[in-house]
């Protein structure tokens, strides 16, 4: 990246590097009020968007907040840089503080704060909080990753995606909170760019789709106001990546869904605004600072020798979607781009982990939509990029226990991954869990869903589970296997819901594929 970005990264990282490593009483934080007395007071409610943490390392974590006393109207902060103090403690009452420092909330980044804290103990729970202008944030809880060379252990991971504000409340997070995952993997569609709808369960802010930075900031702020999402962010680290609705439905690289309505320059400006707002609202490291219409989101996280998590970006580097079967099978088409594909393949080939997880925004297994003879595919998914998909699946034969974690479909679709979907007898090389949506599609008509999808099951024998309830997936990962639960709620059109386990599934170590328990 170029321009001022390296210095911005240094500012973000410096907050963690300058932290004190000695224990201290929480009372030592009180002089912050006196130090702030000489400044113009900040508006009340600067921590309205809550707190979050993300991308755990064995010795570190990213802490996030954004100062926004008027969150749906640009934030409401003065046009000046504000010092924000932060603390990390081993206890919820902050009697034993292990790291502390000051970060700068700058107007150029929407007064967001990203603190990359280092020097922490592996596999340890911590509590954190922020203070600005005499105001105190809520307390957050987080956890570091296991030691780099630890071989055993247990990782509880939640998979979530697709939370449309207008389609319902984010009630699945209330149940997720009770399940207490170590980490939440969110694989896209954190916001939706659609215009306000008078018929929605909840109404989007604004007067239309977001295009400018301020409009995207307002949309993210609205989503951050959901109490169940805010509580989940405050209680576990998130690992996030985006799909299409964070910018524009079904965009590909720098090509919008409707190029006849959005010129190249206009869409480049929209990408620039959307990526900036995404960074400002996500608990990610300075490596994700956008460079105009570019952002680096593919990255790798390690959970000891138990699991390696490869987080993909399937939007920014892809070829435009195919329009027919011939295009879908064109070997020149790419989903990942050459550099990201090399990065992924190298990471899989040289992984020391027992389980190799891939966070992919869109479905990898085949979806044949045509009942009977012939094929009909979704060209926005991996089915539209079959040569690259098949090459990747061939690599899976040499990978230890590959499991793909996916979103996008607003359905639970759990599948075996076959080396060649054109040959139903080809080898099973992995498993894929397509998680249902948090709220997108609302309370779906189950009878209509079954009438539409059940006839297709004979043409897709690799599907192991198909369902259209709202919810998320919960994984308990151990050396001998992955136990998965599909957690669903009875409604998202009301603020409270009743959760249940729809299904239990398992992937055995050393045996590719998934089976229903």
Protein backbone atom coordinates (compact mmCIF):
# COMPACT_ATOMS: atom_id res chain seq x y z
CA UNK A 1 0.00 0.00 0.00
CA UNK A 2 1.09 3.56 -0.59
CA UNK A 3 0.69 7.14 0.57
CA UNK A 4 0.08 7.84 4.26
CA UNK A 5 -0.97 4.31 5.13
CA UNK A 6 2.33 3.10 6.65
CA UNK A 7 2.35 5.98 9.13
CA UNK A 8 -1.30 5.27 9.98
CA UNK A 9 -0.37 1.68 10.66
CA UNK A 10 2.46 2.78 12.92
CA UNK A 11 0.07 4.95 14.93
CA UNK A 12 -2.29 2.02 15.45
CA UNK A 13 0.49 -0.39 16.39
CA UNK A 14 2.23 2.13 18.62
CA UNK A 15 -0.66 2.06 21.06
CA UNK A 16 0.00 -1.60 21.77
CA UNK A 17 3.77 -1.18 21.81
CA UNK A 18 3.54 1.64 24.33
CA UNK A 19 1.39 -0.36 26.74
CA UNK A 20 2.59 -0.96 30.28
CA UNK A 21 3.12 -4.57 31.27
CA UNK A 22 2.86 -4.24 35.04
CA UNK A 23 -0.19 -4.87 37.17
CA UNK A 24 -1.93 -1.80 38.55
CA UNK A 25 -4.98 -0.84 40.51
CA UNK A 26 -7.97 0.30 38.49
CA UNK A 27 -7.93 3.45 40.60
CA UNK A 28 -4.79 4.61 38.77
CA UNK A 29 -7.07 5.37 35.82
CA UNK A 30 -8.96 8.09 37.68
CA UNK A 31 -6.60 10.97 36.81
CA UNK A 32 -7.83 10.71 33.21
CA UNK A 33 -10.76 12.89 34.25
CA UNK A 34 -8.43 15.57 35.50
CA UNK A 35 -6.30 15.41 32.36
CA UNK A 36 -9.42 15.83 30.23
CA UNK A 37 -10.65 18.80 32.24
CA UNK A 38 -8.69 21.28 30.17
CA UNK A 39 -10.26 20.14 26.92
CA UNK A 40 -13.67 20.98 25.54
CA UNK A 41 -16.07 18.33 26.88
CA UNK A 42 -17.16 15.63 24.48
CA UNK A 43 -20.86 15.08 23.79
CA UNK A 44 -22.53 12.48 25.98
CA UNK A 45 -22.76 8.91 24.75
CA UNK A 46 -19.49 8.66 22.83
CA UNK A 47 -19.41 4.87 23.31
CA UNK A 48 -22.87 4.27 21.83
CA UNK A 49 -21.51 1.69 19.37
CA UNK A 50 -20.01 -0.52 22.06
CA UNK A 51 -16.74 -2.42 21.98
CA UNK A 52 -15.34 -5.41 20.13
CA UNK A 53 -12.24 -7.55 19.78
CA UNK A 54 -10.90 -9.65 16.96
CA UNK A 55 -8.19 -11.69 15.20
CA UNK A 56 -6.76 -13.43 18.28
CA UNK A 57 -3.08 -14.35 18.38
CA UNK A 58 -1.30 -16.38 21.08
CA UNK A 59 0.09 -13.14 22.51
CA UNK A 60 -2.32 -10.50 21.21
CA UNK A 61 -5.75 -9.27 20.28
CA UNK A 62 -7.27 -6.31 18.43
CA UNK A 63 -9.51 -4.07 20.53
CA UNK A 64 -12.06 -1.81 18.82
CA UNK A 65 -14.43 1.01 19.54
CA UNK A 66 -15.70 4.08 17.72
CA UNK A 67 -16.67 7.38 19.32
CA UNK A 68 -20.12 8.28 17.99
CA UNK A 69 -22.55 10.20 20.23
CA UNK A 70 -24.89 10.74 17.24
CA UNK A 71 -24.27 7.49 15.37
CA UNK A 72 -26.93 7.76 12.64
CA UNK A 73 -25.93 11.28 11.63
CA UNK A 74 -22.25 10.98 10.85
CA UNK A 75 -21.17 10.26 14.40
CA UNK A 76 -21.62 13.66 16.02
CA UNK A 77 -17.99 14.10 17.08
CA UNK A 78 -15.99 17.36 16.86
CA UNK A 79 -13.56 17.58 13.95
CA UNK A 80 -10.52 16.93 16.13
CA UNK A 81 -8.36 14.05 17.27
CA UNK A 82 -9.38 12.61 20.64
CA UNK A 83 -7.13 10.56 22.94
CA UNK A 84 -8.80 7.35 24.09
CA UNK A 85 -7.37 5.42 27.00
CA UNK A 86 -7.65 1.64 27.09
CA UNK A 87 -7.02 -1.07 29.64
CA UNK A 88 -6.72 -4.85 29.56
CA UNK A 89 -7.15 -6.79 32.79
CA UNK A 90 -7.18 -10.36 34.02
CA UNK A 91 -10.41 -9.76 35.94
CA UNK A 92 -13.75 -8.13 35.16
CA UNK A 93 -13.34 -5.57 37.96
CA UNK A 94 -9.95 -4.39 36.63
CA UNK A 95 -8.09 -5.02 39.84
CA UNK A 96 -5.24 -6.66 37.94
CA UNK A 97 -4.45 -4.61 34.84
CA UNK A 98 -1.84 -6.15 32.54
CA UNK A 99 -1.79 -3.71 29.63
CA UNK A 100 -2.84 -0.10 29.21
CA UNK A 101 -2.21 2.79 26.86
CA UNK A 102 -3.68 5.64 24.84
CA UNK A 103 -4.87 5.50 21.24
CA UNK A 104 -5.90 8.42 19.06
CA UNK A 105 -9.40 8.55 17.59
CA UNK A 106 -8.98 10.56 14.39
CA UNK A 107 -11.80 12.23 12.44
CA UNK A 108 -10.34 10.88 9.18
CA UNK A 109 -11.23 7.37 10.37
CA UNK A 110 -14.60 8.26 11.87
CA UNK A 111 -13.05 8.46 15.37
CA UNK A 112 -12.63 4.68 15.33
CA UNK A 113 -10.00 3.06 17.51
CA UNK A 114 -8.05 -0.10 16.70
CA UNK A 115 -5.57 -1.18 19.38
CA UNK A 116 -3.29 -4.11 18.54
CA UNK A 117 -2.43 -5.29 22.04
CA UNK A 118 0.58 -7.60 22.36
CA UNK A 119 2.43 -9.24 25.23
CA UNK A 120 -0.56 -11.22 26.49
CA UNK A 121 -0.62 -14.82 27.64
CA UNK A 122 -1.84 -17.50 25.22
CA UNK A 123 -5.21 -19.20 25.64
CA UNK A 124 -6.24 -16.71 28.32
CA UNK A 125 -9.42 -14.77 28.93
CA UNK A 126 -9.11 -10.99 29.39
CA UNK A 127 -11.38 -8.02 30.02
CA UNK A 128 -10.95 -4.61 28.42
CA UNK A 129 -12.49 -1.13 28.36
CA UNK A 130 -12.00 2.36 26.96
CA UNK A 131 -12.26 5.87 28.38
CA UNK A 132 -12.57 9.22 26.58
CA UNK A 133 -13.46 12.66 27.94
CA UNK A 134 -14.33 11.19 31.31
CA UNK A 135 -16.77 8.68 29.78
CA UNK A 136 -16.32 4.95 30.25
CA UNK A 137 -17.19 2.27 27.70
CA UNK A 138 -18.90 -0.98 28.53
CA UNK A 139 -16.54 -3.78 29.53
CA UNK A 140 -15.58 -6.27 26.88
CA UNK A 141 -14.33 -9.82 27.27
CA UNK A 142 -11.96 -11.57 24.89
CA UNK A 143 -9.60 -14.50 24.59
CA UNK A 144 -6.17 -15.09 23.06
CA UNK A 145 -5.30 -18.04 20.82
CA UNK A 146 -3.56 -21.16 22.16
CA UNK A 147 0.27 -21.41 22.14
CA UNK A 148 1.73 -21.88 18.69
CA UNK A 149 2.94 -25.44 19.23
CA UNK A 150 0.12 -26.81 21.40
CA UNK A 151 -1.18 -29.95 19.72
CA UNK A 152 -4.35 -30.85 21.59
CA UNK A 153 -7.07 -28.84 23.22
CA UNK A 154 -10.55 -27.78 22.22
CA UNK A 155 -11.77 -24.84 20.15
CA UNK A 156 -15.41 -23.73 20.14
CA UNK A 157 -16.12 -21.72 17.00
CA UNK A 158 -19.36 -20.06 15.89
CA UNK A 159 -20.09 -19.40 12.20
CA UNK A 160 -22.38 -16.50 11.28
CA UNK A 161 -23.31 -14.50 8.17
CA UNK A 162 -25.99 -12.47 6.42
CA UNK A 163 -27.72 -10.17 8.89
CA UNK A 164 -30.26 -8.01 7.09
CA UNK A 165 -31.61 -5.32 9.45
CA UNK A 166 -34.88 -4.98 7.56
CA UNK A 167 -35.61 -8.72 7.54
CA UNK A 168 -35.51 -9.17 11.30
CA UNK A 169 -33.85 -8.86 14.66
CA UNK A 170 -30.49 -10.49 15.26
CA UNK A 171 -31.95 -12.91 17.80
CA UNK A 172 -29.56 -15.83 17.06
CA UNK A 173 -26.77 -13.89 18.78
CA UNK A 174 -28.62 -14.11 22.11
CA UNK A 175 -28.32 -17.89 21.94
CA UNK A 176 -24.75 -17.72 20.63
CA UNK A 177 -23.82 -15.67 23.68
CA UNK A 178 -25.09 -18.43 25.97
CA UNK A 179 -23.05 -21.04 24.06
CA UNK A 180 -19.88 -19.04 24.87
CA UNK A 181 -17.74 -19.63 21.76
CA UNK A 182 -14.01 -18.95 21.86
CA UNK A 183 -14.22 -17.14 18.53
CA UNK A 184 -16.92 -16.05 16.06
CA UNK A 185 -16.17 -16.31 12.33
CA UNK A 186 -18.34 -13.94 10.32
CA UNK A 187 -18.13 -14.64 6.58
CA UNK A 188 -19.96 -11.73 5.00
CA UNK A 189 -22.98 -9.48 4.59
CA UNK A 190 -22.51 -7.70 7.90
CA UNK A 191 -24.68 -4.89 6.54
CA UNK A 192 -27.02 -4.65 3.56
CA UNK A 193 -26.83 -1.73 1.17
CA UNK A 194 -30.50 -1.82 0.21
CA UNK A 195 -32.77 1.23 0.45
CA UNK A 196 -35.22 1.65 3.33
CA UNK A 197 -38.35 -0.48 2.99
CA UNK A 198 -41.71 0.44 4.48
CA UNK A 199 -42.58 -3.26 4.75
CA UNK A 200 -39.45 -4.35 6.62
CA UNK A 201 -39.48 -5.66 10.19
CA UNK A 202 -37.07 -2.79 10.88
CA UNK A 203 -36.36 0.10 8.55
CA UNK A 204 -32.96 1.03 7.18
CA UNK A 205 -31.78 4.53 8.04
CA UNK A 206 -31.29 7.13 5.33
CA UNK A 207 -33.14 7.83 2.12
CA UNK A 208 -31.62 5.26 -0.22
CA UNK A 209 -28.58 3.04 -0.77
CA UNK A 210 -25.28 4.22 0.75
CA UNK A 211 -22.69 5.60 -1.65
CA UNK A 212 -20.68 8.12 0.37
CA UNK A 213 -18.46 7.50 3.39
CA UNK A 214 -20.92 9.21 5.73
CA UNK A 215 -23.79 7.11 4.39
CA UNK A 216 -21.87 3.87 4.91
CA UNK A 217 -20.87 4.99 8.41
CA UNK A 218 -24.50 5.60 9.27
CA UNK A 219 -25.54 2.17 7.98
CA UNK A 220 -22.83 0.39 10.00
CA UNK A 221 -23.77 2.41 13.08
CA UNK A 222 -27.38 1.31 12.76
CA UNK A 223 -26.39 -2.35 12.57
CA UNK A 224 -24.03 -1.94 15.52
CA UNK A 225 -26.98 -0.71 17.59
CA UNK A 226 -28.63 -4.13 17.62
CA UNK A 227 -28.36 -5.19 21.29
CA UNK A 228 -27.76 -8.90 20.64
CA UNK A 229 -24.99 -8.21 18.11
CA UNK A 230 -23.42 -5.64 20.46
CA UNK A 231 -23.46 -8.11 23.36
CA UNK A 232 -21.84 -10.83 21.28
CA UNK A 233 -19.11 -8.47 20.09
CA UNK A 234 -18.42 -7.56 23.72
CA UNK A 235 -18.05 -11.19 24.81
CA UNK A 236 -15.91 -12.97 22.21
CA UNK A 237 -13.38 -12.09 19.50
CA UNK A 238 -14.65 -11.97 15.91
CA UNK A 239 -12.77 -12.94 12.76
CA UNK A 240 -14.50 -11.13 9.91
CA UNK A 241 -14.48 -10.89 6.17
CA UNK A 242 -16.90 -9.25 3.73
CA UNK A 243 -19.02 -10.53 0.87
CA UNK A 244 -21.00 -8.36 -1.55
CA UNK A 245 -23.66 -6.46 0.42
CA UNK A 246 -21.07 -4.50 2.36
CA UNK A 247 -20.66 -2.64 -0.95
CA UNK A 248 -23.09 -3.62 -3.71
CA UNK A 249 -24.99 -6.82 -4.49
CA UNK A 250 -23.00 -9.34 -6.60
CA UNK A 251 -20.14 -6.97 -7.39
CA UNK A 252 -16.96 -8.52 -8.82
CA UNK A 253 -13.66 -6.74 -8.36
CA UNK A 254 -14.37 -3.22 -9.58
CA UNK A 255 -17.41 -4.19 -11.61
CA UNK A 256 -20.78 -3.33 -10.04
CA UNK A 257 -23.91 -5.38 -10.41
CA UNK A 258 -25.32 -2.73 -12.76
CA UNK A 259 -22.44 -1.18 -14.77
CA UNK A 260 -24.96 0.59 -16.98
CA UNK A 261 -26.03 2.62 -13.92
CA UNK A 262 -22.72 2.95 -12.04
CA UNK A 263 -19.75 4.21 -14.04
CA UNK A 264 -16.25 2.90 -13.32
CA UNK A 265 -15.25 6.11 -11.54
CA UNK A 266 -18.47 6.23 -9.53
CA UNK A 267 -18.12 2.61 -8.43
CA UNK A 268 -14.44 3.12 -7.56
CA UNK A 269 -15.53 5.97 -5.29
CA UNK A 270 -18.19 3.71 -3.77
CA UNK A 271 -15.64 0.97 -3.12
CA UNK A 272 -13.35 3.50 -1.49
CA UNK A 273 -16.11 4.69 0.84
CA UNK A 274 -17.41 1.20 1.61
CA UNK A 275 -14.01 -0.30 2.41
CA UNK A 276 -13.10 2.66 4.60
CA UNK A 277 -16.34 2.34 6.59
CA UNK A 278 -15.85 -1.43 6.85
CA UNK A 279 -12.39 -0.97 8.36
CA UNK A 280 -13.68 1.71 10.72
CA UNK A 281 -16.29 -0.66 12.20
CA UNK A 282 -14.42 -3.98 12.34
CA UNK A 283 -11.90 -5.30 14.92
CA UNK A 284 -9.10 -5.86 12.40
CA UNK A 285 -5.40 -5.03 12.34
CA UNK A 286 -3.69 -2.15 10.58
CA UNK A 287 -2.83 -4.50 7.72
CA UNK A 288 -6.48 -4.04 6.68
CA UNK A 289 -6.23 -0.25 6.34
CA UNK A 290 -7.74 0.47 2.90
CA UNK A 291 -5.73 2.03 0.12
CA UNK A 292 -8.51 3.76 -1.77
CA UNK A 293 -10.58 1.05 -3.52
CA UNK A 294 -8.31 -1.75 -2.21
CA UNK A 295 -8.28 -3.55 1.11
CA UNK A 296 -6.32 -6.61 2.29
CA UNK A 297 -8.68 -9.03 4.04
CA UNK A 298 -7.35 -12.52 3.28
CA UNK A 299 -5.25 -13.64 6.19
CA UNK A 300 -4.40 -16.65 8.32
CA UNK A 301 -4.96 -17.30 12.01
CA UNK A 302 -3.53 -20.18 14.02
CA UNK A 303 -5.10 -21.97 16.97
CA UNK A 304 -2.08 -23.96 18.04
CA UNK A 305 -1.54 -27.13 16.06
CA UNK A 306 -5.24 -27.88 16.41
CA UNK A 307 -6.59 -25.61 13.67
CA UNK A 308 -5.42 -23.19 11.00
CA UNK A 309 -8.05 -20.72 9.75
CA UNK A 310 -7.57 -19.35 6.22
CA UNK A 311 -9.84 -16.34 5.69
CA UNK A 312 -10.59 -15.69 2.01
CA UNK A 313 -11.61 -12.65 -0.01
CA UNK A 314 -13.83 -13.92 -2.82
CA UNK A 315 -14.97 -10.50 -4.07
CA UNK A 316 -12.01 -8.25 -4.72
CA UNK A 317 -9.91 -10.33 -7.10
CA UNK A 318 -12.51 -12.35 -9.01
CA UNK A 319 -13.37 -12.30 -12.68
CA UNK A 320 -16.81 -11.00 -13.52
CA UNK A 321 -19.57 -13.60 -13.17
CA UNK A 322 -20.21 -15.97 -16.05
CA UNK A 323 -23.49 -15.80 -17.92
CA UNK A 324 -23.67 -19.42 -19.04
CA UNK A 325 -22.25 -22.92 -18.60
CA UNK A 326 -19.39 -22.41 -21.02
CA UNK A 327 -18.18 -19.37 -19.11
CA UNK A 328 -18.48 -21.19 -15.77
CA UNK A 329 -16.07 -23.85 -17.06
CA UNK A 330 -13.59 -21.40 -18.64
CA UNK A 331 -10.15 -22.23 -17.15
CA UNK A 332 -9.09 -18.57 -17.29
CA UNK A 333 -11.76 -17.50 -14.80
CA UNK A 334 -10.61 -16.84 -11.24
CA UNK A 335 -12.38 -16.40 -7.93
CA UNK A 336 -9.28 -15.72 -5.81
CA UNK A 337 -6.81 -14.06 -8.16
CA UNK A 338 -3.37 -15.53 -8.76
CA UNK A 339 -1.66 -14.12 -5.66
CA UNK A 340 -4.38 -15.12 -3.20
CA UNK A 341 -4.63 -18.59 -4.73
CA UNK A 342 -0.87 -19.15 -4.30
CA UNK A 343 -1.14 -17.88 -0.72
CA UNK A 344 -3.97 -20.30 0.05
CA UNK A 345 -2.40 -23.34 -1.60
CA UNK A 346 0.96 -22.71 0.10
CA UNK A 347 -0.79 -22.33 3.44
CA UNK A 348 -2.62 -25.61 2.97
CA UNK A 349 0.38 -27.56 1.72
CA UNK A 350 2.64 -26.47 4.57
CA UNK A 351 0.12 -26.38 7.37
CA UNK A 352 1.17 -28.01 10.67
CA UNK A 353 -2.45 -28.05 11.88
CA UNK A 354 -4.68 -31.04 12.49
CA UNK A 355 -7.66 -29.17 10.98
CA UNK A 356 -7.43 -26.79 8.04
CA UNK A 357 -10.40 -24.45 8.02
CA UNK A 358 -11.26 -22.18 5.09
CA UNK A 359 -13.63 -19.25 5.58
CA UNK A 360 -15.17 -18.79 2.12
CA UNK A 361 -17.94 -16.27 1.61
CA UNK A 362 -19.70 -18.23 -1.11
CA UNK A 363 -20.60 -21.91 -1.51
CA UNK A 364 -17.91 -24.29 -2.81
CA UNK A 365 -19.96 -27.47 -3.28
CA UNK A 366 -22.05 -27.78 -6.42
CA UNK A 367 -25.65 -26.58 -6.49
CA UNK A 368 -27.42 -28.09 -9.48
CA UNK A 369 -30.69 -26.18 -9.72
CA UNK A 370 -32.12 -28.18 -12.62
CA UNK A 371 -34.20 -31.23 -11.69
CA UNK A 372 -33.33 -34.16 -13.93
CA UNK A 373 -31.03 -34.06 -16.93
CA UNK A 374 -28.61 -31.20 -17.43
CA UNK A 375 -27.09 -28.64 -15.09
CA UNK A 376 -28.04 -25.15 -13.95
CA UNK A 377 -25.78 -23.26 -11.55
CA UNK A 378 -25.52 -20.07 -9.50
CA UNK A 379 -22.75 -18.27 -11.36
CA UNK A 380 -21.89 -15.97 -8.45
CA UNK A 381 -20.79 -18.98 -6.35
CA UNK A 382 -17.85 -21.33 -6.91
CA UNK A 383 -19.98 -23.12 -9.51
CA UNK A 384 -19.26 -20.15 -11.76
CA UNK A 385 -15.49 -20.67 -11.40
CA UNK A 386 -15.26 -24.42 -11.79
CA UNK A 387 -11.73 -24.87 -13.12
CA UNK A 388 -10.23 -23.02 -10.16
CA UNK A 389 -12.62 -24.77 -7.75
CA UNK A 390 -11.67 -28.20 -9.10
CA UNK A 391 -7.95 -27.44 -8.88
CA UNK A 392 -8.42 -26.41 -5.27
CA UNK A 393 -10.39 -29.57 -4.48
CA UNK A 394 -7.58 -31.67 -5.96
CA UNK A 395 -5.23 -29.95 -3.51
CA UNK A 396 -7.55 -31.03 -0.69
CA UNK A 397 -6.48 -34.66 -1.26
CA UNK A 398 -3.08 -33.74 0.21
CA UNK A 399 -4.40 -31.55 3.03
CA UNK A 400 -5.03 -32.64 6.61
CA UNK A 401 -8.77 -32.51 7.33
CA UNK A 402 -10.00 -29.57 5.18
CA UNK A 403 -13.30 -28.04 6.30
CA UNK A 404 -14.89 -25.08 4.48
CA UNK A 405 -17.02 -22.59 6.42
CA UNK A 406 -19.37 -20.58 4.22
CA UNK A 407 -22.24 -18.10 4.23
CA UNK A 408 -24.21 -16.24 1.52
CA UNK A 409 -27.06 -18.71 0.85
CA UNK A 410 -29.40 -17.81 3.74
CA UNK A 411 -29.75 -21.59 4.11
CA UNK A 412 -28.06 -24.39 5.99
CA UNK A 413 -26.43 -26.51 3.29
CA UNK A 414 -23.97 -29.11 4.61
CA UNK A 415 -22.14 -31.10 1.95
CA UNK A 416 -19.37 -33.51 1.18
CA UNK A 417 -16.79 -31.91 -1.09
CA UNK A 418 -15.96 -34.17 -4.04
CA UNK A 419 -12.89 -33.95 -6.20
CA UNK A 420 -15.04 -33.63 -9.32
CA UNK A 421 -18.74 -32.84 -9.02
CA UNK A 422 -19.23 -33.88 -12.65
CA UNK A 423 -18.44 -37.41 -11.44
CA UNK A 424 -20.64 -38.34 -8.43
CA UNK A 425 -18.36 -41.34 -7.77
CA UNK A 426 -15.21 -39.21 -7.41
CA UNK A 427 -13.41 -39.12 -4.08
CA UNK A 428 -14.73 -37.14 -1.12
CA UNK A 429 -11.93 -34.74 -0.19
CA UNK A 430 -13.48 -32.49 2.45
CA UNK A 431 -16.58 -31.09 4.13
CA UNK A 432 -18.45 -27.81 3.76
CA UNK A 433 -20.80 -26.13 6.21
CA UNK A 434 -22.86 -23.38 4.62
CA UNK A 435 -24.28 -21.52 7.60
CA UNK A 436 -27.76 -20.14 7.49
CA UNK A 437 -28.38 -16.41 7.85
CA UNK A 438 -28.72 -14.50 11.11
CA UNK A 439 -31.81 -12.70 9.80
CA UNK A 440 -31.77 -12.46 5.99
CA UNK A 441 -34.96 -13.84 4.38
CA UNK A 442 -36.75 -13.46 7.71
CA UNK A 443 -39.04 -16.21 8.96
CA UNK A 444 -39.08 -18.31 5.83
CA UNK A 445 -42.07 -20.38 4.73
CA UNK A 446 -40.77 -23.89 5.43
CA UNK A 447 -43.35 -25.70 3.31
CA UNK A 448 -42.59 -23.51 0.30
CA UNK A 449 -38.87 -24.04 0.85
CA UNK A 450 -39.28 -27.81 0.88
CA UNK A 451 -41.43 -27.75 -2.23
CA UNK A 452 -38.72 -25.76 -4.04
CA UNK A 453 -35.59 -27.54 -2.82
CA UNK A 454 -36.40 -31.16 -1.98
CA UNK A 455 -36.88 -32.15 -5.65
CA UNK A 456 -33.28 -31.07 -6.29
CA UNK A 457 -31.72 -33.37 -3.71
CA UNK A 458 -31.48 -36.35 -6.09
CA UNK A 459 -29.36 -34.22 -8.42
CA UNK A 460 -27.11 -33.15 -5.53
CA UNK A 461 -26.28 -36.39 -3.67
CA UNK A 462 -23.39 -34.67 -1.85
CA UNK A 463 -25.86 -32.57 0.20
CA UNK A 464 -26.14 -33.98 3.72
CA UNK A 465 -28.45 -31.39 5.30
CA UNK A 466 -30.69 -28.70 3.88
CA UNK A 467 -32.77 -26.26 5.96
CA UNK A 468 -34.14 -22.70 5.87
CA UNK A 469 -34.44 -21.63 9.51
CA UNK A 470 -32.49 -18.61 10.76
CA UNK A 471 -29.55 -19.14 13.10
CA UNK A 472 -25.86 -20.05 13.06
CA UNK A 473 -23.54 -23.06 13.29
CA UNK A 474 -21.54 -24.01 16.38
CA UNK A 475 -18.41 -26.20 16.14
CA UNK A 476 -16.50 -28.01 18.86
CA UNK A 477 -13.13 -28.83 17.33
CA UNK A 478 -10.89 -31.46 18.92
CA UNK A 479 -8.01 -33.55 17.54
CA UNK A 480 -10.25 -36.56 16.84
CA UNK A 481 -13.13 -34.74 15.17
CA UNK A 482 -15.36 -31.73 14.65
CA UNK A 483 -18.78 -31.84 16.27
CA UNK A 484 -21.18 -29.36 14.68
CA UNK A 485 -24.56 -28.16 15.86
CA UNK A 486 -27.00 -26.22 13.70
CA UNK A 487 -28.59 -23.77 16.13
CA UNK A 488 -31.82 -22.12 14.92
CA UNK A 489 -34.45 -19.78 16.36
CA UNK A 490 -38.21 -19.87 15.98
CA UNK A 491 -38.45 -16.25 14.81
CA UNK A 492 -36.49 -13.15 13.90
CA UNK A 493 -39.49 -10.86 13.46
CA UNK A 494 -39.68 -10.32 17.22
CA UNK A 495 -36.91 -9.12 19.56
CA UNK A 496 -36.91 -12.41 21.50
CA UNK A 497 -36.82 -15.95 20.20
CA UNK A 498 -36.66 -19.58 21.31
CA UNK A 499 -33.53 -21.43 20.16
CA UNK A 500 -32.98 -25.14 19.56
CA UNK A 501 -30.53 -27.55 17.99
CA UNK A 502 -31.88 -28.48 14.57
CA UNK A 503 -29.19 -31.07 13.79
CA UNK A 504 -25.90 -32.52 14.96
CA UNK A 505 -23.17 -33.48 12.52
CA UNK A 506 -19.63 -34.76 12.78
CA UNK A 507 -16.45 -34.82 10.73
CA UNK A 508 -14.00 -37.53 11.79
CA UNK A 509 -10.29 -36.78 11.62
CA UNK A 510 -8.71 -38.61 8.71
CA UNK A 511 -12.08 -39.39 7.09
CA UNK A 512 -13.10 -36.68 4.60
CA UNK A 513 -16.76 -35.79 4.54
CA UNK A 514 -19.51 -35.18 7.06
CA UNK A 515 -22.28 -37.29 8.50
CA UNK A 516 -25.42 -36.51 10.47
CA UNK A 517 -25.28 -37.84 14.02
